[in-house]
Amino acid sequence: LAGLPAVQAAVAEAIDLEGEQALNIAWDAHETATG
């Protein structure tokens, strides 16, 4: 997961990913991959 763009962007902005925010990664990845 550390290599995912969403995680790298969060690290760059010093945003902690946890709980519901982390669940959005899967949602967004699905939408990006499938449209």
PDB file of all heavy atoms in Angstrom:
ATOM      1  N   LEU A   1       0.820  -1.218   0.000  1.00  0.00           N
ATOM      2  CA  LEU A   1       0.000   0.000   0.000  1.00  0.00           C
ATOM      3  C   LEU A   1       0.849   1.261   0.000  1.00  0.00           C
ATOM      4  O   LEU A   1       0.430   2.293  -0.511  1.00  0.00           O
ATOM      5  CB  LEU A   1      -0.945   0.007   1.201  1.00  0.00           C
ATOM      6  CG  LEU A   1      -2.000  -1.083   1.232  1.00  0.00           C
ATOM      7  CD1 LEU A   1      -2.737  -1.060   2.566  1.00  0.00           C
ATOM      8  CD2 LEU A   1      -2.965  -0.934   0.080  1.00  0.00           C
ATOM      9  N   ALA A   2       2.044   1.186   0.546  1.00  0.00           N
ATOM     10  CA  ALA A   2       2.922   2.360   0.610  1.00  0.00           C
ATOM     11  C   ALA A   2       3.242   2.912  -0.768  1.00  0.00           C
ATOM     12  O   ALA A   2       3.535   4.097  -0.912  1.00  0.00           O
ATOM     13  CB  ALA A   2       4.212   2.007   1.344  1.00  0.00           C
ATOM     14  N   GLY A   3       3.161   2.075  -1.804  1.00  0.00           N
ATOM     15  CA  GLY A   3       3.477   2.525  -3.155  1.00  0.00           C
ATOM     16  C   GLY A   3       2.309   3.121  -3.908  1.00  0.00           C
ATOM     17  O   GLY A   3       2.488   3.650  -5.007  1.00  0.00           O
ATOM     18  N   LEU A   4       1.121   3.066  -3.344  1.00  0.00           N
ATOM     19  CA  LEU A   4      -0.056   3.589  -4.039  1.00  0.00           C
ATOM     20  C   LEU A   4      -0.024   5.123  -4.076  1.00  0.00           C
ATOM     21  O   LEU A   4       0.337   5.773  -3.093  1.00  0.00           O
ATOM     22  CB  LEU A   4      -1.334   3.123  -3.356  1.00  0.00           C
ATOM     23  CG  LEU A   4      -1.586   1.614  -3.385  1.00  0.00           C
ATOM     24  CD1 LEU A   4      -2.843   1.282  -2.598  1.00  0.00           C
ATOM     25  CD2 LEU A   4      -1.712   1.130  -4.823  1.00  0.00           C
ATOM     26  N   PRO A   5      -0.411   5.715  -5.209  1.00  0.00           N
ATOM     27  CA  PRO A   5      -0.387   7.175  -5.322  1.00  0.00           C
ATOM     28  C   PRO A   5      -1.188   7.879  -4.227  1.00  0.00           C
ATOM     29  O   PRO A   5      -0.751   8.915  -3.714  1.00  0.00           O
ATOM     30  CB  PRO A   5      -0.991   7.436  -6.703  1.00  0.00           C
ATOM     31  CG  PRO A   5      -0.718   6.189  -7.472  1.00  0.00           C
ATOM     32  CD  PRO A   5      -0.799   5.067  -6.466  1.00  0.00           C
ATOM     33  N   ALA A   6      -2.329   7.338  -3.848  1.00  0.00           N
ATOM     34  CA  ALA A   6      -3.140   7.989  -2.804  1.00  0.00           C
ATOM     35  C   ALA A   6      -2.409   8.003  -1.473  1.00  0.00           C
ATOM     36  O   ALA A   6      -2.492   8.981  -0.719  1.00  0.00           O
ATOM     37  CB  ALA A   6      -4.482   7.278  -2.663  1.00  0.00           C
ATOM     38  N   VAL A   7      -1.686   6.938  -1.177  1.00  0.00           N
ATOM     39  CA  VAL A   7      -0.930   6.871   0.076  1.00  0.00           C
ATOM     40  C   VAL A   7       0.258   7.820   0.008  1.00  0.00           C
ATOM     41  O   VAL A   7       0.529   8.563   0.955  1.00  0.00           O
ATOM     42  CB  VAL A   7      -0.490   5.422   0.371  1.00  0.00           C
ATOM     43  CG1 VAL A   7       0.420   5.365   1.584  1.00  0.00           C
ATOM     44  CG2 VAL A   7      -1.714   4.524   0.567  1.00  0.00           C
ATOM     45  N   GLN A   8       0.959   7.829  -1.113  1.00  0.00           N
ATOM     46  CA  GLN A   8       2.104   8.731  -1.255  1.00  0.00           C
ATOM     47  C   GLN A   8       1.675  10.191  -1.169  1.00  0.00           C
ATOM     48  O   GLN A   8       2.364  11.015  -0.568  1.00  0.00           O
ATOM     49  CB  GLN A   8       2.830   8.449  -2.569  1.00  0.00           C
ATOM     50  CG  GLN A   8       3.514   7.096  -2.564  1.00  0.00           C
ATOM     51  CD  GLN A   8       4.169   6.763  -3.881  1.00  0.00           C
ATOM     52  OE1 GLN A   8       4.025   7.465  -4.882  1.00  0.00           O
ATOM     53  NE2 GLN A   8       4.912   5.668  -3.894  1.00  0.00           N
ATOM     54  N   ALA A   9       0.528  10.531  -1.734  1.00  0.00           N
ATOM     55  CA  ALA A   9       0.018  11.905  -1.652  1.00  0.00           C
ATOM     56  C   ALA A   9      -0.323  12.265  -0.210  1.00  0.00           C
ATOM     57  O   ALA A   9      -0.044  13.384   0.235  1.00  0.00           O
ATOM     58  CB  ALA A   9      -1.207  12.069  -2.544  1.00  0.00           C
ATOM     59  N   ALA A  10      -0.912  11.331   0.507  1.00  0.00           N
ATOM     60  CA  ALA A  10      -1.253  11.582   1.912  1.00  0.00           C
ATOM     61  C   ALA A  10       0.010  11.800   2.739  1.00  0.00           C
ATOM     62  O   ALA A  10       0.062  12.695   3.584  1.00  0.00           O
ATOM     63  CB  ALA A  10      -2.077  10.428   2.474  1.00  0.00           C
ATOM     64  N   VAL A  11       1.042  10.998   2.486  1.00  0.00           N
ATOM     65  CA  VAL A  11       2.306  11.158   3.203  1.00  0.00           C
ATOM     66  C   VAL A  11       2.901  12.529   2.901  1.00  0.00           C
ATOM     67  O   VAL A  11       3.354  13.238   3.795  1.00  0.00           O
ATOM     68  CB  VAL A  11       3.291  10.030   2.841  1.00  0.00           C
ATOM     69  CG1 VAL A  11       4.691  10.336   3.345  1.00  0.00           C
ATOM     70  CG2 VAL A  11       2.800   8.699   3.385  1.00  0.00           C
ATOM     71  N   ALA A  12       2.883  12.925   1.627  1.00  0.00           N
ATOM     72  CA  ALA A  12       3.462  14.211   1.229  1.00  0.00           C
ATOM     73  C   ALA A  12       2.764  15.384   1.913  1.00  0.00           C
ATOM     74  O   ALA A  12       3.385  16.403   2.193  1.00  0.00           O
ATOM     75  CB  ALA A  12       3.398  14.370  -0.288  1.00  0.00           C
ATOM     76  N   GLU A  13       1.486  15.215   2.196  1.00  0.00           N
ATOM     77  CA  GLU A  13       0.710  16.279   2.842  1.00  0.00           C
ATOM     78  C   GLU A  13       0.575  16.064   4.340  1.00  0.00           C
ATOM     79  O   GLU A  13      -0.190  16.759   4.998  1.00  0.00           O
ATOM     80  CB  GLU A  13      -0.661  16.373   2.185  1.00  0.00           C
ATOM     81  CG  GLU A  13      -0.591  16.784   0.725  1.00  0.00           C
ATOM     82  CD  GLU A  13      -1.955  16.876   0.078  1.00  0.00           C
ATOM     83  OE1 GLU A  13      -2.927  17.186   0.784  1.00  0.00           O
ATOM     84  OE2 GLU A  13      -2.040  16.626  -1.134  1.00  0.00           O
ATOM     85  N   ALA A  14       1.301  15.072   4.879  1.00  0.00           N
ATOM     86  CA  ALA A  14       1.282  14.743   6.308  1.00  0.00           C
ATOM     87  C   ALA A  14      -0.123  14.416   6.802  1.00  0.00           C
ATOM     88  O   ALA A  14      -0.536  14.822   7.884  1.00  0.00           O
ATOM     89  CB  ALA A  14       1.911  15.865   7.133  1.00  0.00           C
ATOM     90  N   ILE A  15      -0.865  13.681   5.987  1.00  0.00           N
ATOM     91  CA  ILE A  15      -2.207  13.259   6.352  1.00  0.00           C
ATOM     92  C   ILE A  15      -2.140  11.807   6.801  1.00  0.00           C
ATOM     93  O   ILE A  15      -1.595  10.960   6.096  1.00  0.00           O
ATOM     94  CB  ILE A  15      -3.171  13.379   5.150  1.00  0.00           C
ATOM     95  CG1 ILE A  15      -3.285  14.832   4.712  1.00  0.00           C
ATOM     96  CG2 ILE A  15      -4.536  12.790   5.477  1.00  0.00           C
ATOM     97  CD1 ILE A  15      -4.031  15.011   3.394  1.00  0.00           C
ATOM     98  N   ASP A  16      -2.668  11.514   7.971  1.00  0.00           N
ATOM     99  CA  ASP A  16      -2.729  10.140   8.449  1.00  0.00           C
ATOM    100  C   ASP A  16      -3.914   9.445   7.803  1.00  0.00           C
ATOM    101  O   ASP A  16      -5.025   9.973   7.789  1.00  0.00           O
ATOM    102  CB  ASP A  16      -2.889  10.087   9.970  1.00  0.00           C
ATOM    103  CG  ASP A  16      -1.618  10.457  10.707  1.00  0.00           C
ATOM    104  OD1 ASP A  16      -0.532  10.292  10.132  1.00  0.00           O
ATOM    105  OD2 ASP A  16      -1.723  10.904  11.862  1.00  0.00           O
ATOM    106  N   LEU A  17      -3.670   8.268   7.266  1.00  0.00           N
ATOM    107  CA  LEU A  17      -4.745   7.464   6.692  1.00  0.00           C
ATOM    108  C   LEU A  17      -5.177   6.435   7.721  1.00  0.00           C
ATOM    109  O   LEU A  17      -4.389   5.616   8.154  1.00  0.00           O
ATOM    110  CB  LEU A  17      -4.265   6.742   5.431  1.00  0.00           C
ATOM    111  CG  LEU A  17      -3.940   7.630   4.250  1.00  0.00           C
ATOM    112  CD1 LEU A  17      -3.353   6.798   3.119  1.00  0.00           C
ATOM    113  CD2 LEU A  17      -5.182   8.348   3.773  1.00  0.00           C
ATOM    114  N   GLU A  18      -6.413   6.510   8.099  1.00  0.00           N
ATOM    115  CA  GLU A  18      -6.926   5.530   9.037  1.00  0.00           C
ATOM    116  C   GLU A  18      -8.441   5.464   8.916  1.00  0.00           C
ATOM    117  O   GLU A  18      -9.073   6.346   8.348  1.00  0.00           O
ATOM    118  CB  GLU A  18      -6.528   5.883  10.464  1.00  0.00           C
ATOM    119  CG  GLU A  18      -6.961   7.272  10.902  1.00  0.00           C
ATOM    120  CD  GLU A  18      -6.483   7.621  12.287  1.00  0.00           C
ATOM    121  OE1 GLU A  18      -5.313   8.019  12.436  1.00  0.00           O
ATOM    122  OE2 GLU A  18      -7.283   7.464  13.212  1.00  0.00           O
ATOM    123  N   GLY A  19      -8.987   4.415   9.416  1.00  0.00           N
ATOM    124  CA  GLY A  19     -10.432   4.264   9.462  1.00  0.00           C
ATOM    125  C   GLY A  19     -11.112   4.480   8.132  1.00  0.00           C
ATOM    126  O   GLY A  19     -10.720   3.917   7.116  1.00  0.00           O
ATOM    127  N   GLU A  20     -12.128   5.304   8.129  1.00  0.00           N
ATOM    128  CA  GLU A  20     -12.939   5.522   6.934  1.00  0.00           C
ATOM    129  C   GLU A  20     -12.137   6.137   5.796  1.00  0.00           C
ATOM    130  O   GLU A  20     -12.404   5.852   4.629  1.00  0.00           O
ATOM    131  CB  GLU A  20     -14.143   6.401   7.268  1.00  0.00           C
ATOM    132  CG  GLU A  20     -15.171   5.685   8.121  1.00  0.00           C
ATOM    133  CD  GLU A  20     -16.387   6.537   8.375  1.00  0.00           C
ATOM    134  OE1 GLU A  20     -16.709   7.378   7.531  1.00  0.00           O
ATOM    135  OE2 GLU A  20     -17.020   6.349   9.425  1.00  0.00           O
ATOM    136  N   GLN A  21     -11.169   6.971   6.103  1.00  0.00           N
ATOM    137  CA  GLN A  21     -10.356   7.555   5.027  1.00  0.00           C
ATOM    138  C   GLN A  21      -9.641   6.467   4.246  1.00  0.00           C
ATOM    139  O   GLN A  21      -9.556   6.523   3.024  1.00  0.00           O
ATOM    140  CB  GLN A  21      -9.326   8.526   5.600  1.00  0.00           C
ATOM    141  CG  GLN A  21      -9.912   9.802   6.147  1.00  0.00           C
ATOM    142  CD  GLN A  21      -8.833  10.660   6.774  1.00  0.00           C
ATOM    143  OE1 GLN A  21      -7.908  10.165   7.390  1.00  0.00           O
ATOM    144  NE2 GLN A  21      -8.966  11.959   6.601  1.00  0.00           N
ATOM    145  N   ALA A  22      -9.100   5.476   4.942  1.00  0.00           N
ATOM    146  CA  ALA A  22      -8.388   4.394   4.268  1.00  0.00           C
ATOM    147  C   ALA A  22      -9.341   3.554   3.421  1.00  0.00           C
ATOM    148  O   ALA A  22      -8.962   3.050   2.371  1.00  0.00           O
ATOM    149  CB  ALA A  22      -7.660   3.521   5.280  1.00  0.00           C
ATOM    150  N   LEU A  23     -10.582   3.399   3.867  1.00  0.00           N
ATOM    151  CA  LEU A  23     -11.545   2.627   3.096  1.00  0.00           C
ATOM    152  C   LEU A  23     -11.847   3.296   1.755  1.00  0.00           C
ATOM    153  O   LEU A  23     -12.166   2.624   0.777  1.00  0.00           O
ATOM    154  CB  LEU A  23     -12.838   2.427   3.883  1.00  0.00           C
ATOM    155  CG  LEU A  23     -12.720   1.548   5.126  1.00  0.00           C
ATOM    156  CD1 LEU A  23     -14.043   1.539   5.881  1.00  0.00           C
ATOM    157  CD2 LEU A  23     -12.295   0.143   4.771  1.00  0.00           C
ATOM    158  N   ASN A  24     -11.741   4.611   1.697  1.00  0.00           N
ATOM    159  CA  ASN A  24     -11.985   5.322   0.440  1.00  0.00           C
ATOM    160  C   ASN A  24     -10.960   4.985  -0.634  1.00  0.00           C
ATOM    161  O   ASN A  24     -11.229   5.139  -1.826  1.00  0.00           O
ATOM    162  CB  ASN A  24     -12.006   6.833   0.671  1.00  0.00           C
ATOM    163  CG  ASN A  24     -13.249   7.276   1.394  1.00  0.00           C
ATOM    164  OD1 ASN A  24     -14.274   6.606   1.360  1.00  0.00           O
ATOM    165  ND2 ASN A  24     -13.156   8.392   2.079  1.00  0.00           N
ATOM    166  N   ILE A  25      -9.776   4.517  -0.233  1.00  0.00           N
ATOM    167  CA  ILE A  25      -8.759   4.158  -1.214  1.00  0.00           C
ATOM    168  C   ILE A  25      -9.281   3.058  -2.115  1.00  0.00           C
ATOM    169  O   ILE A  25      -9.146   3.122  -3.340  1.00  0.00           O
ATOM    170  CB  ILE A  25      -7.447   3.734  -0.519  1.00  0.00           C
ATOM    171  CG1 ILE A  25      -6.833   4.933   0.208  1.00  0.00           C
ATOM    172  CG2 ILE A  25      -6.464   3.160  -1.530  1.00  0.00           C
ATOM    173  CD1 ILE A  25      -5.670   4.579   1.110  1.00  0.00           C
ATOM    174  N   ALA A  26      -9.891   2.038  -1.519  1.00  0.00           N
ATOM    175  CA  ALA A  26     -10.432   0.932  -2.312  1.00  0.00           C
ATOM    176  C   ALA A  26     -11.557   1.416  -3.227  1.00  0.00           C
ATOM    177  O   ALA A  26     -11.642   1.022  -4.393  1.00  0.00           O
ATOM    178  CB  ALA A  26     -10.929  -0.187  -1.399  1.00  0.00           C
ATOM    179  N   TRP A  27     -12.425   2.263  -2.703  1.00  0.00           N
ATOM    180  CA  TRP A  27     -13.540   2.804  -3.492  1.00  0.00           C
ATOM    181  C   TRP A  27     -13.006   3.569  -4.704  1.00  0.00           C
ATOM    182  O   TRP A  27     -13.425   3.347  -5.833  1.00  0.00           O
ATOM    183  CB  TRP A  27     -14.376   3.716  -2.599  1.00  0.00           C
ATOM    184  CG  TRP A  27     -15.596   4.261  -3.271  1.00  0.00           C
ATOM    185  CD1 TRP A  27     -15.671   5.323  -4.124  1.00  0.00           C
ATOM    186  CD2 TRP A  27     -16.927   3.757  -3.160  1.00  0.00           C
ATOM    187  NE1 TRP A  27     -16.951   5.521  -4.536  1.00  0.00           N
ATOM    188  CE2 TRP A  27     -17.747   4.575  -3.953  1.00  0.00           C
ATOM    189  CE3 TRP A  27     -17.500   2.707  -2.453  1.00  0.00           C
ATOM    190  CZ2 TRP A  27     -19.116   4.365  -4.070  1.00  0.00           C
ATOM    191  CZ3 TRP A  27     -18.863   2.509  -2.574  1.00  0.00           C
ATOM    192  CH2 TRP A  27     -19.657   3.325  -3.373  1.00  0.00           C
ATOM    193  N   ASP A  28     -12.057   4.466  -4.449  1.00  0.00           N
ATOM    194  CA  ASP A  28     -11.490   5.277  -5.523  1.00  0.00           C
ATOM    195  C   ASP A  28     -10.711   4.428  -6.525  1.00  0.00           C
ATOM    196  O   ASP A  28     -10.769   4.678  -7.732  1.00  0.00           O
ATOM    197  CB  ASP A  28     -10.582   6.365  -4.947  1.00  0.00           C
ATOM    198  CG  ASP A  28     -11.351   7.397  -4.134  1.00  0.00           C
ATOM    199  OD1 ASP A  28     -12.595   7.478  -4.282  1.00  0.00           O
ATOM    200  OD2 ASP A  28     -10.712   8.117  -3.348  1.00  0.00           O
ATOM    201  N   ALA A  29      -9.982   3.434  -6.040  1.00  0.00           N
ATOM    202  CA  ALA A  29      -9.222   2.560  -6.935  1.00  0.00           C
ATOM    203  C   ALA A  29     -10.155   1.791  -7.858  1.00  0.00           C
ATOM    204  O   ALA A  29      -9.877   1.650  -9.062  1.00  0.00           O
ATOM    205  CB  ALA A  29      -8.361   1.597  -6.127  1.00  0.00           C
ATOM    206  N   HIS A  30     -11.269   1.318  -7.322  1.00  0.00           N
ATOM    207  CA  HIS A  30     -12.235   0.590  -8.155  1.00  0.00           C
ATOM    208  C   HIS A  30     -12.801   1.511  -9.241  1.00  0.00           C
ATOM    209  O   HIS A  30     -12.869   1.134 -10.410  1.00  0.00           O
ATOM    210  CB  HIS A  30     -13.371   0.030  -7.303  1.00  0.00           C
ATOM    211  CG  HIS A  30     -14.456  -0.605  -8.117  1.00  0.00           C
ATOM    212  ND1 HIS A  30     -14.351  -1.879  -8.597  1.00  0.00           N
ATOM    213  CD2 HIS A  30     -15.644  -0.122  -8.558  1.00  0.00           C
ATOM    214  CE1 HIS A  30     -15.443  -2.164  -9.298  1.00  0.00           C
ATOM    215  NE2 HIS A  30     -16.238  -1.113  -9.288  1.00  0.00           N
ATOM    216  N   GLU A  31     -13.151   2.710  -8.847  1.00  0.00           N
ATOM    217  CA  GLU A  31     -13.726   3.651  -9.814  1.00  0.00           C
ATOM    218  C   GLU A  31     -12.703   4.018 -10.894  1.00  0.00           C
ATOM    219  O   GLU A  31     -13.043   4.093 -12.077  1.00  0.00           O
ATOM    220  CB  GLU A  31     -14.214   4.905  -9.098  1.00  0.00           C
ATOM    221  CG  GLU A  31     -14.993   5.831 -10.001  1.00  0.00           C
ATOM    222  CD  GLU A  31     -15.660   6.972  -9.255  1.00  0.00           C
ATOM    223  OE1 GLU A  31     -15.553   7.043  -8.026  1.00  0.00           O
ATOM    224  OE2 GLU A  31     -16.277   7.797  -9.931  1.00  0.00           O
ATOM    225  N   THR A  32     -11.448   4.185 -10.499  1.00  0.00           N
ATOM    226  CA  THR A  32     -10.399   4.502 -11.467  1.00  0.00           C
ATOM    227  C   THR A  32     -10.163   3.340 -12.424  1.00  0.00           C
ATOM    228  O   THR A  32     -10.015   3.539 -13.629  1.00  0.00           O
ATOM    229  CB  THR A  32      -9.094   4.854 -10.735  1.00  0.00           C
ATOM    230  OG1 THR A  32      -9.321   6.013  -9.922  1.00  0.00           O
ATOM    231  CG2 THR A  32      -7.960   5.130 -11.710  1.00  0.00           C
ATOM    232  N   ALA A  33     -10.153   2.133 -11.879  1.00  0.00           N
ATOM    233  CA  ALA A  33      -9.861   0.947 -12.701  1.00  0.00           C
ATOM    234  C   ALA A  33     -11.006   0.558 -13.621  1.00  0.00           C
ATOM    235  O   ALA A  33     -10.778   0.083 -14.734  1.00  0.00           O
ATOM    236  CB  ALA A  33      -9.506  -0.235 -11.800  1.00  0.00           C
ATOM    237  N   THR A  34     -12.255   0.763 -13.172  1.00  0.00           N
ATOM    238  CA  THR A  34     -13.393   0.277 -13.947  1.00  0.00           C
ATOM    239  C   THR A  34     -14.226   1.373 -14.580  1.00  0.00           C
ATOM    240  O   THR A  34     -15.025   1.110 -15.468  1.00  0.00           O
ATOM    241  CB  THR A  34     -14.331  -0.567 -13.054  1.00  0.00           C
ATOM    242  OG1 THR A  34     -14.926   0.291 -12.061  1.00  0.00           O
ATOM    243  CG2 THR A  34     -13.590  -1.713 -12.387  1.00  0.00           C
ATOM    244  N   GLY A  35     -14.101   2.600 -14.071  1.00  0.00           N
ATOM    245  CA  GLY A  35     -14.932   3.696 -14.562  1.00  0.00           C
ATOM    246  C   GLY A  35     -16.329   3.681 -13.971  1.00  0.00           C
ATOM    247  O   GLY A  35     -17.174   4.475 -14.371  1.00  0.00           O
TER     248      GLY A  35
END
